Structure formats: C-alpha cells, structure tokens
Amino acid sequence: MATKPKNPKGLTFEKALQRLEEIVSELEDPQKGLEQALALFEEGVVLSRFCRGKIDEIQKRVEVVLKETPQGFVTGPFEGEGDAEDGESDKDGDEDGDGKA
C-alpha cells in the first residue's frame, strides 16, 4: 500500500508548482499502475493545497499593505483577459464606469 504524502516543509511555491506539473505529466502516462497513479494523485492534492494556502497568505499580506498605505488603495477581484462578464467592457474605456477616461 502507498504511504501517505507528508506536508511539504521548507518547500517554495515555485518548486511545488513545478512538481505538480511533473505529476500531471506522469499521470498522463497510460503505463502507470493504479497504485502508483493513486500515490501521485495524493501527492498532487497535498501540493495543490500547499500552493492554494501560499496564494491565500500572499493575498492577505497584500491587502494589509494596501490598507496601511496613505493613498488608501482599494483592492478588488483580479480581472484577467477573458474574465469580463458577457464579454462587454466599459464603452468609454475607464475602469470605474464614471464616464471619465
């Protein structure tokens, strides 16, 4: 039986992400046995949770820094390319929709 993966100690986000990519490639190999695939999947879940935790931690730190700035920056959800609802953008090109460019 496969051993349970341990929490990654001293692992960086970048190394965890790289290992996740390796795991995905290994899981795509049709020659992997069921037990080996399960062990890889379990390791991937642990690494995925680790990465999500790091992202959450960084996001909270950024929010604290922004709140402490004298300019009073405001955080909002990140809108990447293709994330806009209905595919519509503000017609005048401004971010806040107030009609001023």
N, C-alpha and C. Protein backbone atom coordinates (compact mmCIF):
# COMPACT_ATOMS: atom_id res chain seq x y z
N MET A 1 0.84 -1.20 0.00
CA MET A 1 0.00 0.00 0.00
C MET A 1 0.87 1.24 0.00
N ALA A 2 0.43 2.28 -0.67
CA ALA A 2 1.18 3.52 -0.79
C ALA A 2 1.23 4.25 0.54
N THR A 3 2.36 4.92 0.79
CA THR A 3 2.46 5.71 2.01
C THR A 3 1.80 7.05 1.78
N LYS A 4 1.26 7.60 2.84
CA LYS A 4 0.56 8.87 2.75
C LYS A 4 1.57 10.00 2.58
N PRO A 5 1.37 10.91 1.61
CA PRO A 5 2.31 12.01 1.39
C PRO A 5 2.35 12.94 2.60
N LYS A 6 3.55 13.44 2.87
CA LYS A 6 3.73 14.35 4.00
C LYS A 6 3.58 15.79 3.53
N ASN A 7 3.23 16.66 4.47
CA ASN A 7 3.15 18.08 4.15
C ASN A 7 4.53 18.58 3.76
N PRO A 8 4.63 19.37 2.71
CA PRO A 8 5.93 19.85 2.24
C PRO A 8 6.51 20.90 3.18
N LYS A 9 7.58 20.57 3.86
CA LYS A 9 8.24 21.51 4.77
C LYS A 9 9.40 22.16 4.03
N GLY A 10 9.52 23.47 4.14
CA GLY A 10 10.60 24.20 3.50
C GLY A 10 10.50 24.23 1.99
N LEU A 11 9.35 23.91 1.46
CA LEU A 11 9.13 23.90 0.02
C LEU A 11 8.65 25.27 -0.43
N THR A 12 9.16 25.73 -1.55
CA THR A 12 8.71 27.01 -2.09
C THR A 12 7.51 26.78 -2.99
N PHE A 13 6.77 27.84 -3.22
CA PHE A 13 5.62 27.79 -4.11
C PHE A 13 6.06 27.33 -5.50
N GLU A 14 7.16 27.89 -5.98
CA GLU A 14 7.63 27.59 -7.33
C GLU A 14 8.01 26.11 -7.47
N LYS A 15 8.69 25.56 -6.47
CA LYS A 15 9.07 24.14 -6.52
C LYS A 15 7.83 23.25 -6.45
N ALA A 16 6.87 23.63 -5.62
CA ALA A 16 5.63 22.84 -5.51
C ALA A 16 4.88 22.86 -6.84
N LEU A 17 4.82 24.00 -7.48
CA LEU A 17 4.14 24.11 -8.76
C LEU A 17 4.85 23.30 -9.83
N GLN A 18 6.18 23.33 -9.81
CA GLN A 18 6.96 22.53 -10.76
C GLN A 18 6.69 21.04 -10.56
N ARG A 19 6.65 20.61 -9.30
CA ARG A 19 6.38 19.20 -9.02
C ARG A 19 4.96 18.82 -9.45
N LEU A 20 4.01 19.72 -9.26
CA LEU A 20 2.64 19.47 -9.72
C LEU A 20 2.61 19.24 -11.24
N GLU A 21 3.36 20.04 -11.96
CA GLU A 21 3.42 19.87 -13.41
C GLU A 21 4.02 18.51 -13.77
N GLU A 22 5.04 18.08 -13.02
CA GLU A 22 5.64 16.77 -13.25
C GLU A 22 4.63 15.65 -12.96
N ILE A 23 3.87 15.82 -11.90
CA ILE A 23 2.86 14.82 -11.54
C ILE A 23 1.82 14.69 -12.63
N VAL A 24 1.36 15.81 -13.17
CA VAL A 24 0.37 15.78 -14.24
C VAL A 24 0.93 15.00 -15.43
N SER A 25 2.19 15.27 -15.79
CA SER A 25 2.80 14.54 -16.90
C SER A 25 2.88 13.05 -16.61
N GLU A 26 3.25 12.71 -15.40
CA GLU A 26 3.36 11.30 -15.03
C GLU A 26 1.99 10.61 -15.04
N LEU A 27 0.97 11.32 -14.60
CA LEU A 27 -0.37 10.73 -14.59
C LEU A 27 -0.93 10.52 -16.00
N GLU A 28 -0.42 11.27 -16.96
CA GLU A 28 -0.88 11.11 -18.34
C GLU A 28 -0.29 9.86 -19.00
N ASP A 29 0.70 9.23 -18.35
CA ASP A 29 1.31 8.01 -18.88
C ASP A 29 0.36 6.84 -18.67
N PRO A 30 -0.11 6.21 -19.75
CA PRO A 30 -1.07 5.11 -19.61
C PRO A 30 -0.45 3.85 -18.99
N GLN A 31 0.86 3.79 -18.87
CA GLN A 31 1.53 2.62 -18.32
C GLN A 31 1.58 2.63 -16.79
N LYS A 32 1.18 3.74 -16.17
CA LYS A 32 1.17 3.82 -14.71
C LYS A 32 0.15 2.85 -14.15
N GLY A 33 0.55 2.16 -13.11
CA GLY A 33 -0.39 1.28 -12.43
C GLY A 33 -1.32 2.07 -11.54
N LEU A 34 -2.38 1.43 -11.11
CA LEU A 34 -3.39 2.10 -10.29
C LEU A 34 -2.81 2.61 -8.97
N GLU A 35 -2.02 1.79 -8.29
CA GLU A 35 -1.44 2.20 -7.00
C GLU A 35 -0.48 3.37 -7.17
N GLN A 36 0.33 3.30 -8.23
CA GLN A 36 1.28 4.39 -8.48
C GLN A 36 0.55 5.67 -8.85
N ALA A 37 -0.50 5.55 -9.65
CA ALA A 37 -1.30 6.72 -10.03
C ALA A 37 -1.97 7.33 -8.81
N LEU A 38 -2.47 6.49 -7.92
CA LEU A 38 -3.11 6.99 -6.70
C LEU A 38 -2.12 7.73 -5.82
N ALA A 39 -0.91 7.18 -5.68
CA ALA A 39 0.12 7.84 -4.87
C ALA A 39 0.47 9.20 -5.46
N LEU A 40 0.59 9.27 -6.78
CA LEU A 40 0.87 10.55 -7.43
C LEU A 40 -0.28 11.53 -7.22
N PHE A 41 -1.50 11.04 -7.34
CA PHE A 41 -2.67 11.89 -7.14
C PHE A 41 -2.69 12.46 -5.72
N GLU A 42 -2.42 11.61 -4.73
CA GLU A 42 -2.40 12.08 -3.34
C GLU A 42 -1.32 13.13 -3.13
N GLU A 43 -0.14 12.91 -3.72
CA GLU A 43 0.92 13.90 -3.61
C GLU A 43 0.49 15.21 -4.26
N GLY A 44 -0.18 15.11 -5.40
CA GLY A 44 -0.65 16.30 -6.09
C GLY A 44 -1.66 17.08 -5.28
N VAL A 45 -2.56 16.38 -4.59
CA VAL A 45 -3.55 17.06 -3.76
C VAL A 45 -2.87 17.82 -2.63
N VAL A 46 -1.88 17.20 -2.00
CA VAL A 46 -1.14 17.87 -0.92
C VAL A 46 -0.45 19.12 -1.46
N LEU A 47 0.21 18.98 -2.60
CA LEU A 47 0.91 20.13 -3.19
C LEU A 47 -0.06 21.22 -3.62
N SER A 48 -1.20 20.82 -4.15
CA SER A 48 -2.21 21.79 -4.57
C SER A 48 -2.72 22.59 -3.38
N ARG A 49 -2.98 21.92 -2.29
CA ARG A 49 -3.43 22.62 -1.07
C ARG A 49 -2.36 23.55 -0.54
N PHE A 50 -1.11 23.10 -0.61
CA PHE A 50 0.02 23.92 -0.18
C PHE A 50 0.08 25.21 -1.01
N CYS A 51 -0.02 25.07 -2.35
CA CYS A 51 0.02 26.23 -3.25
C CYS A 51 -1.15 27.17 -2.98
N ARG A 52 -2.34 26.62 -2.81
CA ARG A 52 -3.52 27.45 -2.53
C ARG A 52 -3.33 28.21 -1.22
N GLY A 53 -2.76 27.56 -0.21
CA GLY A 53 -2.50 28.22 1.06
C GLY A 53 -1.51 29.36 0.91
N LYS A 54 -0.47 29.15 0.10
CA LYS A 54 0.52 30.20 -0.14
C LYS A 54 -0.12 31.39 -0.85
N ILE A 55 -0.96 31.11 -1.84
CA ILE A 55 -1.64 32.19 -2.57
C ILE A 55 -2.54 32.97 -1.63
N ASP A 56 -3.29 32.28 -0.78
CA ASP A 56 -4.16 32.95 0.19
C ASP A 56 -3.34 33.82 1.15
N GLU A 57 -2.22 33.28 1.60
CA GLU A 57 -1.35 34.01 2.53
C GLU A 57 -0.81 35.29 1.89
N ILE A 58 -0.34 35.20 0.66
CA ILE A 58 0.18 36.37 -0.04
C ILE A 58 -0.92 37.39 -0.28
N GLN A 59 -2.10 36.92 -0.65
CA GLN A 59 -3.22 37.83 -0.89
C GLN A 59 -3.54 38.62 0.37
N LYS A 60 -3.56 37.96 1.51
CA LYS A 60 -3.85 38.65 2.78
C LYS A 60 -2.76 39.66 3.10
N ARG A 61 -1.50 39.31 2.84
CA ARG A 61 -0.40 40.23 3.11
C ARG A 61 -0.50 41.47 2.21
N VAL A 62 -0.86 41.27 0.96
CA VAL A 62 -1.01 42.39 0.03
C VAL A 62 -2.14 43.30 0.51
N GLU A 63 -3.25 42.73 0.94
CA GLU A 63 -4.37 43.53 1.42
C GLU A 63 -3.98 44.36 2.64
N VAL A 64 -3.17 43.78 3.54
CA VAL A 64 -2.71 44.52 4.72
C VAL A 64 -1.83 45.68 4.30
N VAL A 65 -0.91 45.43 3.39
CA VAL A 65 -0.02 46.50 2.92
C VAL A 65 -0.81 47.61 2.27
N LEU A 66 -1.78 47.26 1.44
CA LEU A 66 -2.57 48.28 0.77
C LEU A 66 -3.41 49.09 1.75
N LYS A 67 -3.91 48.47 2.79
CA LYS A 67 -4.70 49.20 3.79
C LYS A 67 -3.84 50.17 4.57
N GLU A 68 -2.56 49.84 4.72
CA GLU A 68 -1.67 50.68 5.51
C GLU A 68 -1.06 51.82 4.72
N THR A 69 -1.31 51.90 3.43
CA THR A 69 -0.72 52.98 2.63
C THR A 69 -1.52 54.26 2.79
N PRO A 70 -0.84 55.38 2.82
CA PRO A 70 -1.55 56.65 2.99
C PRO A 70 -2.45 57.00 1.82
N GLN A 71 -2.18 56.46 0.65
CA GLN A 71 -3.01 56.77 -0.52
C GLN A 71 -4.36 56.07 -0.44
N GLY A 72 -4.49 55.07 0.42
CA GLY A 72 -5.76 54.39 0.60
C GLY A 72 -6.17 53.56 -0.61
N PHE A 73 -5.23 52.82 -1.18
CA PHE A 73 -5.57 51.95 -2.30
C PHE A 73 -6.67 50.98 -1.90
N VAL A 74 -7.48 50.62 -2.87
CA VAL A 74 -8.57 49.68 -2.63
C VAL A 74 -8.31 48.43 -3.45
N THR A 75 -8.48 47.26 -2.82
CA THR A 75 -8.30 46.02 -3.56
C THR A 75 -9.64 45.56 -4.11
N GLY A 76 -9.59 44.82 -5.18
CA GLY A 76 -10.77 44.25 -5.80
C GLY A 76 -10.39 42.96 -6.47
N PRO A 77 -11.36 42.24 -6.97
CA PRO A 77 -11.05 40.98 -7.63
C PRO A 77 -10.24 41.23 -8.90
N PHE A 78 -9.31 40.32 -9.17
CA PHE A 78 -8.48 40.42 -10.36
C PHE A 78 -9.31 40.03 -11.57
N GLU A 79 -9.26 40.85 -12.60
CA GLU A 79 -9.98 40.54 -13.83
C GLU A 79 -8.95 40.33 -14.92
N GLY A 80 -8.66 39.06 -15.22
CA GLY A 80 -7.72 38.73 -16.27
C GLY A 80 -8.39 38.80 -17.62
N GLU A 81 -7.61 38.59 -18.67
CA GLU A 81 -8.17 38.60 -20.01
C GLU A 81 -9.23 37.52 -20.13
N GLY A 82 -10.35 37.87 -20.70
CA GLY A 82 -11.43 36.90 -20.92
C GLY A 82 -12.30 36.67 -19.71
N ASP A 83 -12.02 37.36 -18.61
CA ASP A 83 -12.82 37.18 -17.39
C ASP A 83 -14.01 38.12 -17.32
N ALA A 84 -14.08 39.10 -18.19
CA ALA A 84 -15.17 40.08 -18.14
C ALA A 84 -16.49 39.38 -18.42
N GLU A 85 -17.49 39.71 -17.63
CA GLU A 85 -18.81 39.11 -17.81
C GLU A 85 -19.41 39.57 -19.12
N ASP A 86 -20.10 38.69 -19.80
CA ASP A 86 -20.77 38.95 -21.06
C ASP A 86 -19.82 39.38 -22.17
N GLY A 87 -18.51 39.41 -21.90
CA GLY A 87 -17.56 39.85 -22.89
C GLY A 87 -17.64 41.34 -23.17
N GLU A 88 -18.39 42.08 -22.35
CA GLU A 88 -18.53 43.52 -22.54
C GLU A 88 -17.50 44.25 -21.71
N SER A 89 -17.04 45.36 -22.22
CA SER A 89 -16.16 46.22 -21.45
C SER A 89 -16.81 47.59 -21.40
N ASP A 90 -16.31 48.42 -20.53
CA ASP A 90 -16.84 49.76 -20.38
C ASP A 90 -16.62 50.52 -21.68
N LYS A 91 -17.63 51.13 -22.23
CA LYS A 91 -17.56 51.74 -23.54
C LYS A 91 -16.59 52.92 -23.61
N ASP A 92 -16.44 53.67 -22.51
CA ASP A 92 -15.56 54.83 -22.57
C ASP A 92 -14.13 54.48 -22.15
N GLY A 93 -13.89 53.21 -21.82
CA GLY A 93 -12.53 52.77 -21.52
C GLY A 93 -12.06 53.04 -20.12
N ASP A 94 -12.93 53.58 -19.25
CA ASP A 94 -12.47 53.81 -17.89
C ASP A 94 -12.80 52.60 -17.03
N GLU A 95 -12.08 52.48 -15.95
CA GLU A 95 -12.20 51.32 -15.07
C GLU A 95 -13.45 51.34 -14.19
N ASP A 96 -13.81 52.52 -13.69
CA ASP A 96 -14.86 52.58 -12.68
C ASP A 96 -16.23 52.91 -13.24
N GLY A 97 -16.35 53.12 -14.53
CA GLY A 97 -17.65 53.34 -15.13
C GLY A 97 -18.24 54.71 -14.88
N ASP A 98 -17.40 55.70 -14.48
CA ASP A 98 -17.95 57.01 -14.18
C ASP A 98 -17.99 57.92 -15.41
N GLY A 99 -17.55 57.38 -16.58
CA GLY A 99 -17.60 58.16 -17.80
C GLY A 99 -16.40 59.03 -18.03
N LYS A 100 -15.47 59.07 -17.06
CA LYS A 100 -14.26 59.87 -17.19
C LYS A 100 -13.11 58.94 -17.57
N ALA A 101 -12.34 59.32 -18.56
CA ALA A 101 -11.22 58.49 -19.02
C ALA A 101 -10.00 58.72 -18.18
